[in-house]
């Protein structure tokens, strides 16, 4: 497929971290000294803090705080990106640990400001926020956490504990899991690979290869189940001790909801709606079994490809396809996505030791985000590229905001990424006339929607169950049994679930790193289905509204942002409208048979 990009860019497949640090060994201490100086200036103003202080004096402190946040964000980003390149690199791991420790110590010295701001009376807080402009929502967010904030000494202890506690335990999970190797016999040849390489085979055209790939995944992971199970239980217990024991949240998930600025009710309605509509995907997998001639349909074969999907794609071609699709929707977004390649801020191919999965790191406003992929040439990898570049353009569109408000809150953080996937899928569908290929594209879309809506919601359902079970003293084996029960409820009689899938949860990084994170994917995908339907109805008139939504970043609450496009996140009807669209797609698939 020929690209329609204006400049005909090249597509480097390794990122350039020198835009953050050129020589980490030499630059670390001077950068930390600079941050130390900024912190000292803020500390010097502590005696002047008063509810009756002049607004201009508060804003001067906020400017210093922004400067510190920008500097620490760049340093922290470099440490994580370098670690991501090769999790086995001892020098990178050491640097990451040093940076985390020093930044935590500096951040602790600034805790007094948030605590003071929470203590200001409502009348003076409103007076001081009146002229804060873009920082108003940031200041409101600090006050939102007032009921769950500890004393300054306690907050400092929690932060210090997290460096050698939660953060260190999670890093251990990354080191263990990203160092695993897998062996698979393909075409009579035994191959050794990392997880990203192995997972490409769960989409093999051959049923035996798909099954063998999953069995090898769980053979290797279950050999580590004791240590991974203990890591998970430790992280969950830590979450409970801090958020329920110390901060007095009503439930483990309530902490995540407050951080997302999403009402508990909205999340409850979302998860209930997902469970209620599981039958849509059960029907889909019955149809897929017929189309792909799979009997019986098993969890091994969930991502079985359509017969038209065997093709491998070069990295360069994938980049052109994504940019072309973006340009068909909005030249503005295409130019921003192209800039990620042009600035060499994308790391594409999979490598031994490289952090698994994919992510986008938007560091500070005005800096091109960094994107990490594990590209293996599968069709799914093209969608992942479109997804992560969506995150990147979202951050770039919000570049006019403060470092505190350009990041979208979590539920809206998936909007641009998932929308980018929809743009790509729709572009490919509109260009394709062959009925079999169109059927294959529709299967691919529904596979993706399943993976990012129902699958993610059931992760969170399991987490809610697991957090309670661990509080009651459950073992890893009991957690696995509970997970298997959730899987079998999700798939009903449509998909058989072999016993080894009970250990799937220990392979999911988000469950370890970010409890209850995954409902953001369900939220974002169902939201995008509604927004994309608006685009289809309104055409180009919708594009400026969408770009404005992205440009808002995290400068307003999710409810306020979505209200402007007519969305009520607490209404069951809204979530159901997303599932109605999915049901229509399943019906459309049935007509192709």
Protein backbone atom coordinates (compact mmCIF):
# COMPACT_ATOMS: atom_id res chain seq x y z
CA UNK A 1 0.00 0.00 0.00
CA UNK A 2 1.57 3.31 -1.04
CA UNK A 3 1.80 6.01 1.58
CA UNK A 4 0.46 9.50 0.92
CA UNK A 5 2.79 11.25 3.34
CA UNK A 6 4.05 14.57 2.09
CA UNK A 7 7.70 14.17 2.95
CA UNK A 8 8.31 10.49 2.25
CA UNK A 9 9.96 9.95 5.64
CA UNK A 10 12.32 7.18 6.57
CA UNK A 11 11.27 4.98 9.45
CA UNK A 12 14.16 4.32 11.86
CA UNK A 13 13.40 1.36 14.12
CA UNK A 14 15.52 2.34 17.16
CA UNK A 15 14.90 5.36 19.32
CA UNK A 16 17.37 8.08 20.22
CA UNK A 17 17.49 8.78 23.97
CA UNK A 18 20.11 11.51 23.64
CA UNK A 19 17.25 14.03 23.42
CA UNK A 20 16.82 13.30 27.14
CA UNK A 21 20.38 12.54 28.28
CA UNK A 22 23.51 12.22 26.19
CA UNK A 23 25.87 10.87 28.84
CA UNK A 24 23.94 9.61 31.90
CA UNK A 25 27.07 8.99 33.99
CA UNK A 26 28.23 12.61 33.61
CA UNK A 27 24.87 14.38 33.51
CA UNK A 28 23.04 12.74 36.43
CA UNK A 29 24.58 14.68 39.30
CA UNK A 30 24.38 18.13 37.63
CA UNK A 31 20.71 17.52 36.81
CA UNK A 32 19.98 16.41 40.37
CA UNK A 33 21.80 19.50 41.67
CA UNK A 34 19.61 21.68 39.46
CA UNK A 35 16.49 19.98 40.81
CA UNK A 36 17.82 20.37 44.34
CA UNK A 37 18.16 24.13 43.78
CA UNK A 38 14.54 24.38 42.61
CA UNK A 39 13.32 22.39 45.59
CA UNK A 40 15.26 24.66 47.94
CA UNK A 41 13.58 27.76 46.43
CA UNK A 42 10.15 26.22 47.02
CA UNK A 43 11.09 25.22 50.56
CA UNK A 44 12.23 28.78 51.27
CA UNK A 45 8.70 30.01 50.58
CA UNK A 46 7.13 27.66 53.12
CA UNK A 47 6.89 30.26 55.91
CA UNK A 48 4.95 32.57 53.57
CA UNK A 49 2.17 30.07 52.84
CA UNK A 50 -1.13 31.38 54.10
CA UNK A 51 -4.80 31.08 53.05
CA UNK A 52 -4.82 34.88 52.69
CA UNK A 53 -1.65 35.10 50.57
CA UNK A 54 -1.70 36.96 47.27
CA UNK A 55 -2.64 34.84 44.28
CA UNK A 56 0.47 36.01 42.36
CA UNK A 57 2.71 34.56 45.09
CA UNK A 58 0.97 31.18 44.85
CA UNK A 59 1.34 31.20 41.08
CA UNK A 60 5.07 31.93 41.39
CA UNK A 61 5.42 28.81 43.55
CA UNK A 62 3.45 26.78 41.03
CA UNK A 63 5.84 27.91 38.29
CA UNK A 64 8.76 26.60 40.33
CA UNK A 65 6.84 23.38 40.95
CA UNK A 66 6.28 22.98 37.21
CA UNK A 67 10.01 23.43 36.60
CA UNK A 68 10.81 20.69 39.11
CA UNK A 69 8.21 18.37 37.62
CA UNK A 70 9.56 18.86 34.10
CA UNK A 71 13.13 18.14 35.13
CA UNK A 72 12.25 15.10 37.21
CA UNK A 73 9.94 13.78 34.47
CA UNK A 74 12.74 13.87 31.90
CA UNK A 75 15.20 12.17 34.22
CA UNK A 76 12.71 9.50 35.30
CA UNK A 77 11.69 8.90 31.69
CA UNK A 78 15.27 8.37 30.55
CA UNK A 79 15.83 5.85 33.35
CA UNK A 80 12.73 3.86 32.42
CA UNK A 81 13.31 4.00 28.65
CA UNK A 82 16.91 2.85 29.04
CA UNK A 83 15.77 -0.01 31.29
CA UNK A 84 13.10 -0.92 28.71
CA UNK A 85 15.70 -1.40 25.99
CA UNK A 86 17.19 -4.32 27.87
CA UNK A 87 15.87 -5.31 31.29
CA UNK A 88 18.99 -7.48 31.74
CA UNK A 89 21.34 -4.48 31.47
CA UNK A 90 22.75 -4.15 34.99
CA UNK A 91 23.97 -0.59 34.36
CA UNK A 92 20.50 0.53 33.25
CA UNK A 93 18.88 -1.17 36.22
CA UNK A 94 21.31 0.48 38.62
CA UNK A 95 20.73 3.90 37.06
CA UNK A 96 16.95 3.44 37.31
CA UNK A 97 17.18 2.55 40.99
CA UNK A 98 19.42 5.54 41.76
CA UNK A 99 17.12 7.95 39.93
CA UNK A 100 14.01 6.62 41.65
CA UNK A 101 15.63 6.90 45.07
CA UNK A 102 16.92 10.45 44.55
CA UNK A 103 13.73 11.77 42.93
CA UNK A 104 11.65 10.29 45.73
CA UNK A 105 13.79 12.06 48.32
CA UNK A 106 13.42 15.38 46.49
CA UNK A 107 9.70 14.89 45.99
CA UNK A 108 9.26 14.18 49.68
CA UNK A 109 10.60 17.62 50.50
CA UNK A 110 7.72 19.16 48.53
CA UNK A 111 4.93 17.24 50.20
CA UNK A 112 4.29 20.17 52.51
CA UNK A 113 2.77 22.19 49.66
CA UNK A 114 0.03 19.70 48.82
CA UNK A 115 -0.78 19.23 52.50
CA UNK A 116 -0.97 22.99 53.05
CA UNK A 117 -3.14 23.45 49.97
CA UNK A 118 -5.58 20.82 51.22
CA UNK A 119 -5.90 22.72 54.52
CA UNK A 120 -6.92 26.02 52.91
CA UNK A 121 -10.57 26.96 53.52
CA UNK A 122 -12.99 26.81 50.58
CA UNK A 123 -13.44 30.57 50.20
CA UNK A 124 -9.71 31.32 49.99
CA UNK A 125 -9.08 28.25 47.83
CA UNK A 126 -11.64 29.52 45.34
CA UNK A 127 -10.05 32.98 45.42
CA UNK A 128 -6.57 31.59 44.79
CA UNK A 129 -7.76 29.26 42.00
CA UNK A 130 -9.73 31.99 40.22
CA UNK A 131 -6.69 33.19 38.31
CA UNK A 132 -4.87 29.86 38.06
CA UNK A 133 -6.01 29.23 34.49
CA UNK A 134 -4.72 25.93 33.20
CA UNK A 135 -3.58 24.88 36.66
CA UNK A 136 -7.04 25.08 38.23
CA UNK A 137 -7.88 21.42 37.63
CA UNK A 138 -4.47 20.43 39.02
CA UNK A 139 -5.20 22.36 42.21
CA UNK A 140 -8.70 20.87 42.42
CA UNK A 141 -7.20 17.39 42.05
CA UNK A 142 -4.89 17.91 45.04
CA UNK A 143 -7.86 18.91 47.19
CA UNK A 144 -9.87 15.93 45.97
CA UNK A 145 -7.50 13.63 47.86
CA UNK A 146 -7.84 15.49 51.17
CA UNK A 147 -9.94 12.78 52.95
CA UNK A 148 -7.29 10.17 52.15
CA UNK A 149 -4.09 12.14 52.75
CA UNK A 150 -1.85 11.35 55.72
CA UNK A 151 0.37 13.64 57.75
CA UNK A 152 3.57 14.93 56.16
CA UNK A 153 5.87 12.50 58.05
CA UNK A 154 3.59 9.59 57.17
CA UNK A 155 3.46 10.54 53.49
CA UNK A 156 7.24 10.73 53.41
CA UNK A 157 7.55 7.28 54.95
CA UNK A 158 5.09 5.82 52.41
CA UNK A 159 7.06 7.33 49.52
CA UNK A 160 10.37 6.04 50.84
CA UNK A 161 8.87 2.62 51.51
CA UNK A 162 7.56 2.40 47.94
CA UNK A 163 11.05 2.75 46.44
CA UNK A 164 12.41 -0.29 48.25
CA UNK A 165 9.00 -1.92 48.56
CA UNK A 166 6.31 -1.76 45.91
CA UNK A 167 8.50 -0.37 43.13
CA UNK A 168 11.31 -2.81 43.85
CA UNK A 169 8.96 -5.80 43.98
CA UNK A 170 7.39 -4.79 40.67
CA UNK A 171 10.84 -4.37 39.10
CA UNK A 172 11.61 -7.90 40.27
CA UNK A 173 8.50 -9.11 38.41
CA UNK A 174 9.72 -7.36 35.24
CA UNK A 175 13.20 -8.86 35.57
CA UNK A 176 11.91 -12.39 36.15
CA UNK A 177 9.26 -12.38 33.42
CA UNK A 178 11.21 -10.52 30.74
CA UNK A 179 14.14 -12.88 31.25
CA UNK A 180 12.07 -15.97 30.47
CA UNK A 181 12.79 -17.89 27.28
CA UNK A 182 10.48 -20.24 25.42
CA UNK A 183 11.10 -23.14 23.08
CA UNK A 184 8.73 -24.08 20.28
CA UNK A 185 9.02 -26.54 17.42
CA UNK A 186 7.82 -24.93 14.19
CA UNK A 187 8.10 -26.64 10.82
CA UNK A 188 10.20 -29.38 12.36
CA UNK A 189 12.73 -26.91 13.77
CA UNK A 190 13.12 -26.11 17.45
CA UNK A 191 13.23 -22.37 18.08
CA UNK A 192 14.11 -20.46 21.24
CA UNK A 193 12.51 -17.04 21.67
CA UNK A 194 11.25 -14.42 24.10
CA UNK A 195 7.59 -13.99 24.99
CA UNK A 196 6.84 -11.52 22.19
CA UNK A 197 8.18 -13.96 19.66
CA UNK A 198 6.20 -16.82 21.18
CA UNK A 199 2.91 -14.92 21.24
CA UNK A 200 3.09 -14.37 17.50
CA UNK A 201 2.41 -18.11 17.19
CA UNK A 202 -0.92 -17.97 19.05
CA UNK A 203 -2.14 -16.42 15.79
CA UNK A 204 -0.63 -19.15 13.62
CA UNK A 205 -2.66 -20.63 10.79
CA UNK A 206 -2.02 -24.07 12.31
CA UNK A 207 -4.16 -25.15 15.26
CA UNK A 208 -1.41 -27.39 16.63
CA UNK A 209 1.06 -24.51 16.69
CA UNK A 210 -1.42 -22.23 18.46
CA UNK A 211 -2.04 -24.84 21.13
CA UNK A 212 1.66 -25.61 21.54
CA UNK A 213 2.46 -21.89 21.90
CA UNK A 214 -0.02 -21.45 24.74
CA UNK A 215 1.12 -24.66 26.41
CA UNK A 216 4.74 -23.50 26.26
CA UNK A 217 3.76 -20.08 27.66
CA UNK A 218 2.11 -21.65 30.69
CA UNK A 219 4.75 -24.37 31.07
CA UNK A 220 7.41 -21.71 31.55
CA UNK A 221 5.30 -19.32 33.63
CA UNK A 222 3.90 -21.99 35.94
CA UNK A 223 7.46 -23.08 36.70
CA UNK A 224 7.73 -19.62 38.28
CA UNK A 225 4.26 -19.64 39.84
CA UNK A 226 5.49 -19.77 43.43
CA UNK A 227 7.64 -16.66 43.14
CA UNK A 228 5.19 -14.80 40.85
CA UNK A 229 2.28 -15.72 43.09
CA UNK A 230 4.12 -14.39 46.14
CA UNK A 231 5.04 -11.21 44.26
CA UNK A 232 1.37 -10.66 43.42
CA UNK A 233 0.18 -11.35 46.95
CA UNK A 234 2.82 -8.96 48.31
CA UNK A 235 1.75 -6.18 45.94
CA UNK A 236 -1.93 -6.70 46.71
CA UNK A 237 -1.29 -6.73 50.47
CA UNK A 238 0.73 -3.53 50.12
CA UNK A 239 -2.13 -1.92 48.16
CA UNK A 240 -4.60 -2.95 50.88
CA UNK A 241 -2.38 -1.80 53.75
CA UNK A 242 -1.87 1.64 52.24
CA UNK A 243 -5.21 2.38 50.61
CA UNK A 244 -7.64 0.70 52.99
CA UNK A 245 -5.63 0.61 56.20
CA UNK A 246 -3.93 4.00 56.08
CA UNK A 247 -5.92 6.08 53.62
CA UNK A 248 -9.34 4.70 54.58
CA UNK A 249 -10.72 4.09 51.10
CA UNK A 250 -13.97 2.15 51.11
CA UNK A 251 -12.67 -0.51 48.71
CA UNK A 252 -9.43 -1.41 46.89
CA UNK A 253 -10.75 -0.09 43.57
CA UNK A 254 -11.96 3.21 45.08
CA UNK A 255 -8.38 4.54 45.17
CA UNK A 256 -8.00 4.00 41.42
CA UNK A 257 -11.40 5.58 40.75
CA UNK A 258 -10.53 8.72 42.70
CA UNK A 259 -7.21 8.99 40.88
CA UNK A 260 -9.09 8.72 37.60
CA UNK A 261 -11.69 11.25 38.82
CA UNK A 262 -14.41 8.79 37.85
CA UNK A 263 -17.39 8.07 40.15
CA UNK A 264 -17.52 4.59 41.66
CA UNK A 265 -21.00 4.31 40.15
CA UNK A 266 -19.68 4.77 36.61
CA UNK A 267 -17.16 1.94 37.05
CA UNK A 268 -19.78 -0.33 38.65
CA UNK A 269 -22.18 0.31 35.75
CA UNK A 270 -19.41 -0.28 33.19
CA UNK A 271 -18.34 -3.62 34.68
CA UNK A 272 -21.95 -4.79 35.09
CA UNK A 273 -22.70 -3.88 31.50
CA UNK A 274 -19.67 -5.86 30.29
CA UNK A 275 -20.76 -8.99 32.17
CA UNK A 276 -24.34 -8.58 30.97
CA UNK A 277 -23.20 -8.46 27.34
CA UNK A 278 -20.75 -11.38 27.44
CA UNK A 279 -23.20 -13.31 25.26
CA UNK A 280 -22.36 -11.04 22.30
CA UNK A 281 -18.81 -12.34 22.26
CA UNK A 282 -19.92 -15.90 22.93
CA UNK A 283 -22.02 -15.64 19.77
CA UNK A 284 -19.07 -14.12 17.93
CA UNK A 285 -16.75 -16.99 18.83
CA UNK A 286 -19.36 -19.51 17.68
CA UNK A 287 -19.40 -17.77 14.30
CA UNK A 288 -15.62 -17.57 14.19
CA UNK A 289 -15.38 -21.30 14.87
CA UNK A 290 -17.53 -21.96 11.78
CA UNK A 291 -15.64 -19.50 9.59
CA UNK A 292 -12.20 -20.78 10.63
CA UNK A 293 -13.36 -24.42 10.73
CA UNK A 294 -12.47 -24.96 14.39
CA UNK A 295 -14.23 -27.73 16.28
CA UNK A 296 -14.50 -27.52 19.14
CA UNK A 297 -13.72 -23.85 19.75
CA UNK A 298 -11.15 -23.66 22.54
CA UNK A 299 -9.32 -20.85 24.32
CA UNK A 300 -6.24 -22.07 22.41
CA UNK A 301 -7.84 -20.83 19.20
CA UNK A 302 -9.38 -17.54 20.29
CA UNK A 303 -7.05 -15.55 18.05
CA UNK A 304 -6.97 -18.01 15.17
CA UNK A 305 -6.40 -15.97 12.02
CA UNK A 306 -8.68 -15.82 9.02
CA UNK A 307 -7.24 -17.58 5.99
CA UNK A 308 -6.41 -14.16 4.50
CA UNK A 309 -4.19 -13.15 7.45
CA UNK A 310 -1.07 -15.24 6.84
CA UNK A 311 0.88 -12.32 5.38
CA UNK A 312 3.83 -10.79 7.22
CA UNK A 313 4.41 -7.02 7.00
CA UNK A 314 7.69 -5.13 6.87
CA UNK A 315 8.14 -2.49 9.55
CA UNK A 316 8.49 0.25 6.92
CA UNK A 317 5.26 -0.80 5.21
CA UNK A 318 3.37 -0.94 8.49
CA UNK A 319 4.45 2.62 9.30
CA UNK A 320 3.26 3.83 5.90
CA UNK A 321 -0.11 2.10 6.30
CA UNK A 322 -0.70 3.70 9.69
CA UNK A 323 0.29 7.19 8.57
CA UNK A 324 -1.86 6.91 5.46
CA UNK A 325 -4.88 5.92 7.55
CA UNK A 326 -4.29 8.80 9.98
CA UNK A 327 -3.95 11.25 7.10
CA UNK A 328 -7.28 10.13 5.66
CA UNK A 329 -8.94 11.20 8.93
CA UNK A 330 -6.86 14.27 9.84
CA UNK A 331 -3.67 15.63 8.28
CA UNK A 332 -2.94 17.28 11.64
CA UNK A 333 -2.81 13.94 13.44
CA UNK A 334 -0.83 12.33 10.59
CA UNK A 335 1.81 15.07 10.76
CA UNK A 336 2.18 14.57 14.51
CA UNK A 337 2.43 10.78 14.18
CA UNK A 338 5.04 11.20 11.45
CA UNK A 339 7.04 13.44 13.77
CA UNK A 340 7.52 10.52 16.19
CA UNK A 341 9.40 8.67 13.42
CA UNK A 342 11.21 11.76 12.18
CA UNK A 343 12.51 12.57 15.67
CA UNK A 344 13.60 8.95 16.17
CA UNK A 345 11.41 8.50 19.23
CA UNK A 346 10.15 5.02 18.38
CA UNK A 347 11.77 1.66 19.13
CA UNK A 348 10.18 -0.99 16.93
CA UNK A 349 11.47 -4.58 16.70
CA UNK A 350 11.44 -7.14 19.48
CA UNK A 351 14.83 -8.11 20.98
CA UNK A 352 16.04 -10.45 23.72
CA UNK A 353 15.75 -8.75 27.12
CA UNK A 354 13.60 -5.91 25.81
CA UNK A 355 10.61 -5.05 28.01
CA UNK A 356 7.54 -6.91 26.75
CA UNK A 357 4.44 -5.31 25.30
CA UNK A 358 4.18 -1.78 23.98
CA UNK A 359 3.76 1.68 25.45
CA UNK A 360 3.89 5.40 24.74
CA UNK A 361 5.69 7.72 27.16
CA UNK A 362 4.55 11.35 26.91
CA UNK A 363 7.14 13.04 29.10
CA UNK A 364 6.60 16.81 29.11
CA UNK A 365 4.53 19.19 26.97
CA UNK A 366 6.29 20.13 23.78
CA UNK A 367 8.60 17.09 23.65
CA UNK A 368 7.79 14.39 21.12
CA UNK A 369 6.64 11.31 23.08
CA UNK A 370 8.62 8.07 22.98
CA UNK A 371 6.94 4.90 21.68
CA UNK A 372 8.10 1.35 22.39
CA UNK A 373 6.85 -1.58 20.31
CA UNK A 374 7.76 -5.25 19.98
CA UNK A 375 7.18 -5.50 16.24
CA UNK A 376 7.29 -9.01 14.75
CA UNK A 377 5.54 -8.40 11.41
CA UNK A 378 2.08 -9.67 12.32
CA UNK A 379 -1.03 -7.81 11.21
CA UNK A 380 -1.81 -7.25 14.89
CA UNK A 381 1.47 -5.36 15.26
CA UNK A 382 0.26 -2.76 12.77
CA UNK A 383 -2.80 -2.13 14.93
CA UNK A 384 -0.52 -1.83 17.98
CA UNK A 385 1.54 0.77 16.14
CA UNK A 386 -1.62 2.74 15.33
CA UNK A 387 -2.65 2.43 18.98
CA UNK A 388 0.58 3.69 20.52
CA UNK A 389 0.91 6.50 17.99
CA UNK A 390 -2.61 7.52 19.05
CA UNK A 391 -1.31 7.97 22.58
CA UNK A 392 1.56 10.03 21.17
CA UNK A 393 -0.60 12.42 19.15
CA UNK A 394 -2.91 12.84 22.16
CA UNK A 395 -0.01 14.12 24.24
CA UNK A 396 1.22 16.31 21.38
CA UNK A 397 -2.23 17.81 20.81
CA UNK A 398 -2.30 18.82 24.51
CA UNK A 399 1.16 20.43 24.40
CA UNK A 400 -0.18 23.89 25.30
CA UNK A 401 -1.10 22.72 28.79
CA UNK A 402 0.98 22.51 31.94
CA UNK A 403 3.09 19.47 32.75
CA UNK A 404 0.44 18.86 35.44
CA UNK A 405 -2.54 18.91 33.06
CA UNK A 406 -1.45 17.74 29.60
CA UNK A 407 -1.77 14.05 30.52
CA UNK A 408 -5.33 12.85 30.11
CA UNK A 409 -6.88 11.06 33.06
CA UNK A 410 -6.76 7.29 32.70
CA UNK A 411 -10.28 6.54 31.32
CA UNK A 412 -9.79 9.10 28.54
CA UNK A 413 -6.14 8.18 28.02
CA UNK A 414 -7.18 5.32 25.74
CA UNK A 415 -9.43 7.47 23.55
CA UNK A 416 -6.91 8.56 20.90
CA UNK A 417 -5.11 5.21 20.88
CA UNK A 418 -8.22 3.14 20.29
CA UNK A 419 -9.57 5.73 17.85
CA UNK A 420 -6.31 5.35 15.93
CA UNK A 421 -6.96 1.62 15.63
CA UNK A 422 -10.50 2.30 14.39
CA UNK A 423 -9.15 4.73 11.78
CA UNK A 424 -6.74 2.06 10.53
CA UNK A 425 -9.36 -0.70 10.46
CA UNK A 426 -11.93 1.47 8.70
CA UNK A 427 -9.38 2.62 6.11
CA UNK A 428 -8.44 -0.97 5.30
CA UNK A 429 -12.11 -2.04 5.11
CA UNK A 430 -13.06 0.84 2.80
CA UNK A 431 -10.24 0.00 0.38
CA UNK A 432 -10.98 -3.71 0.22
CA UNK A 433 -13.51 -5.16 -2.26
CA UNK A 434 -12.74 -8.86 -1.85
CA UNK A 435 -15.46 -10.45 0.31
CA UNK A 436 -13.12 -12.94 1.96
CA UNK A 437 -10.62 -10.23 2.88
CA UNK A 438 -13.40 -8.04 4.27
CA UNK A 439 -14.57 -10.97 6.36
CA UNK A 440 -11.03 -11.37 7.67
CA UNK A 441 -10.79 -7.67 8.52
CA UNK A 442 -14.09 -7.86 10.40
CA UNK A 443 -12.81 -10.86 12.35
CA UNK A 444 -9.68 -8.90 13.22
CA UNK A 445 -11.73 -5.93 14.45
CA UNK A 446 -13.95 -8.11 16.63
CA UNK A 447 -10.94 -9.97 18.02
CA UNK A 448 -9.46 -6.61 19.02
CA UNK A 449 -12.72 -5.35 20.52
CA UNK A 450 -13.05 -8.53 22.57
CA UNK A 451 -9.46 -8.24 23.80
CA UNK A 452 -9.83 -4.59 24.80
CA UNK A 453 -13.38 -4.57 26.19
CA UNK A 454 -14.59 -7.84 27.69
CA UNK A 455 -11.20 -9.38 28.43
CA UNK A 456 -10.04 -6.24 30.27
CA UNK A 457 -13.28 -5.96 32.26
CA UNK A 458 -12.91 -9.55 33.42
CA UNK A 459 -9.35 -8.83 34.55
CA UNK A 460 -10.81 -6.18 36.85
CA UNK A 461 -13.58 -8.52 38.01
CA UNK A 462 -10.86 -11.02 38.96
CA UNK A 463 -8.84 -8.31 40.72
CA UNK A 464 -11.81 -7.33 42.88
CA UNK A 465 -12.19 -10.98 43.84
CA UNK A 466 -8.45 -11.59 44.29
CA UNK A 467 -7.89 -8.60 46.56
CA UNK A 468 -10.60 -9.88 48.90
CA UNK A 469 -9.33 -13.47 48.73
CA UNK A 470 -5.76 -12.43 49.54
CA UNK A 471 -7.04 -10.38 52.48
CA UNK A 472 -8.68 -13.62 53.66
CA UNK A 473 -5.44 -15.58 53.28
CA UNK A 474 -5.88 -17.24 49.87
CA UNK A 475 -3.05 -19.19 48.23
CA UNK A 476 -1.89 -18.75 44.65
CA UNK A 477 -3.58 -22.05 43.75
CA UNK A 478 -6.89 -20.74 45.12
CA UNK A 479 -6.48 -17.54 43.11
CA UNK A 480 -5.86 -19.63 40.00
CA UNK A 481 -9.03 -21.62 40.62
CA UNK A 482 -11.02 -18.40 41.01
CA UNK A 483 -9.51 -17.02 37.80
CA UNK A 484 -10.48 -20.15 35.90
CA UNK A 485 -14.03 -19.80 37.18
CA UNK A 486 -14.22 -16.23 35.88
CA UNK A 487 -12.88 -17.34 32.49
CA UNK A 488 -15.47 -20.10 32.16
CA UNK A 489 -18.27 -17.72 33.11
CA UNK A 490 -17.01 -15.24 30.51
CA UNK A 491 -17.01 -17.78 27.67
CA UNK A 492 -20.03 -19.86 28.69
CA UNK A 493 -20.51 -22.93 26.51
CA UNK A 494 -19.14 -21.20 23.41
CA UNK A 495 -15.43 -21.67 24.20
CA UNK A 496 -13.75 -24.50 26.07
CA UNK A 497 -11.14 -23.31 28.58
CA UNK A 498 -8.31 -25.80 29.30
CA UNK A 499 -7.04 -25.97 32.87
CA UNK A 500 -3.64 -24.37 32.22
CA UNK A 501 -5.37 -21.03 31.54
CA UNK A 502 -5.96 -20.76 35.27
CA UNK A 503 -2.42 -19.32 35.40
CA UNK A 504 -3.03 -16.61 32.81
CA UNK A 505 -3.26 -13.95 35.54
CA UNK A 506 0.42 -14.29 36.50
CA UNK A 507 1.33 -13.38 32.90
CA UNK A 508 -0.56 -10.04 32.90
CA UNK A 509 1.83 -7.18 33.85
CA UNK A 510 -0.95 -4.64 34.52
CA UNK A 511 -2.33 -6.74 37.38
CA UNK A 512 1.03 -6.42 39.11
CA UNK A 513 2.02 -2.86 38.17
CA UNK A 514 -1.30 -1.00 38.21
CA UNK A 515 -4.19 -2.59 40.13
CA UNK A 516 -7.60 -1.97 38.52
CA UNK A 517 -5.98 -0.14 35.60
CA UNK A 518 -7.56 -2.35 32.98
CA UNK A 519 -11.10 -1.00 33.11
CA UNK A 520 -9.70 2.06 31.34
CA UNK A 521 -9.39 -0.08 28.20
CA UNK A 522 -13.03 -1.14 28.41
CA UNK A 523 -14.03 2.45 29.10
CA UNK A 524 -11.91 3.83 26.26
CA UNK A 525 -13.00 1.28 23.68
CA UNK A 526 -16.72 1.60 24.33
CA UNK A 527 -16.35 5.38 24.33
CA UNK A 528 -14.54 5.24 21.00
CA UNK A 529 -17.26 3.07 19.47
CA UNK A 530 -19.73 5.83 20.36
CA UNK A 531 -17.43 8.61 19.11
CA UNK A 532 -16.66 6.75 15.90
CA UNK A 533 -20.37 6.35 15.24
CA UNK A 534 -20.68 10.14 15.59
CA UNK A 535 -17.87 10.51 13.04
CA UNK A 536 -19.66 8.25 10.59
CA UNK A 537 -22.85 10.25 10.99
CA UNK A 538 -21.27 13.73 10.96
CA UNK A 539 -18.31 13.20 8.63
CA UNK A 540 -15.64 15.91 8.57
CA UNK A 541 -17.75 18.14 10.83
CA UNK A 542 -16.86 15.77 13.67
CA UNK A 543 -13.08 16.07 13.24
CA UNK A 544 -12.61 19.53 14.86
CA UNK A 545 -14.69 18.42 17.88
CA UNK A 546 -12.52 15.35 18.27
CA UNK A 547 -9.28 17.33 17.94
CA UNK A 548 -10.54 19.73 20.59
CA UNK A 549 -11.28 16.79 22.91
CA UNK A 550 -7.67 15.63 22.51
CA UNK A 551 -6.32 19.16 22.95
CA UNK A 552 -8.08 19.41 26.32
CA UNK A 553 -5.65 16.81 27.70
CA UNK A 554 -6.18 16.43 31.43
CA UNK A 555 -7.10 20.05 32.12
CA UNK A 556 -10.72 19.20 33.01
CA UNK A 557 -12.52 16.32 34.69
CA UNK A 558 -13.51 13.35 32.51
CA UNK A 559 -17.18 14.05 33.21
CA UNK A 560 -16.86 17.66 32.03
CA UNK A 561 -14.90 16.68 28.92
CA UNK A 562 -17.38 13.97 27.92
CA UNK A 563 -20.41 16.11 28.74
CA UNK A 564 -19.34 18.40 25.89
CA UNK A 565 -19.80 15.52 23.44
CA UNK A 566 -23.06 14.37 25.01
CA UNK A 567 -21.81 11.43 27.09
CA UNK A 568 -23.07 10.48 30.60
CA UNK A 569 -20.61 7.91 31.95
CA UNK A 570 -22.92 6.86 34.81
CA UNK A 571 -25.78 5.87 32.49
CA UNK A 572 -26.23 2.22 31.60
CA UNK A 573 -27.70 3.32 28.27
CA UNK A 574 -24.38 4.86 27.23
CA UNK A 575 -22.39 1.68 27.80
CA UNK A 576 -25.14 -0.41 26.24
CA UNK A 577 -24.98 1.72 23.08
CA UNK A 578 -21.38 0.61 22.67
CA UNK A 579 -22.36 -3.04 22.97
CA UNK A 580 -25.23 -2.51 20.54
CA UNK A 581 -22.65 -1.36 17.98
CA UNK A 582 -20.60 -4.51 18.63
CA UNK A 583 -23.71 -6.66 18.20
CA UNK A 584 -24.31 -4.99 14.84
CA UNK A 585 -20.79 -5.95 13.78
CA UNK A 586 -21.40 -9.57 14.79
CA UNK A 587 -24.61 -9.55 12.74
CA UNK A 588 -22.69 -8.07 9.81
CA UNK A 589 -20.14 -10.87 10.11
CA UNK A 590 -22.94 -13.45 10.01
CA UNK A 591 -24.10 -12.05 6.65
CA UNK A 592 -20.66 -12.76 5.14
CA UNK A 593 -20.95 -16.50 5.77
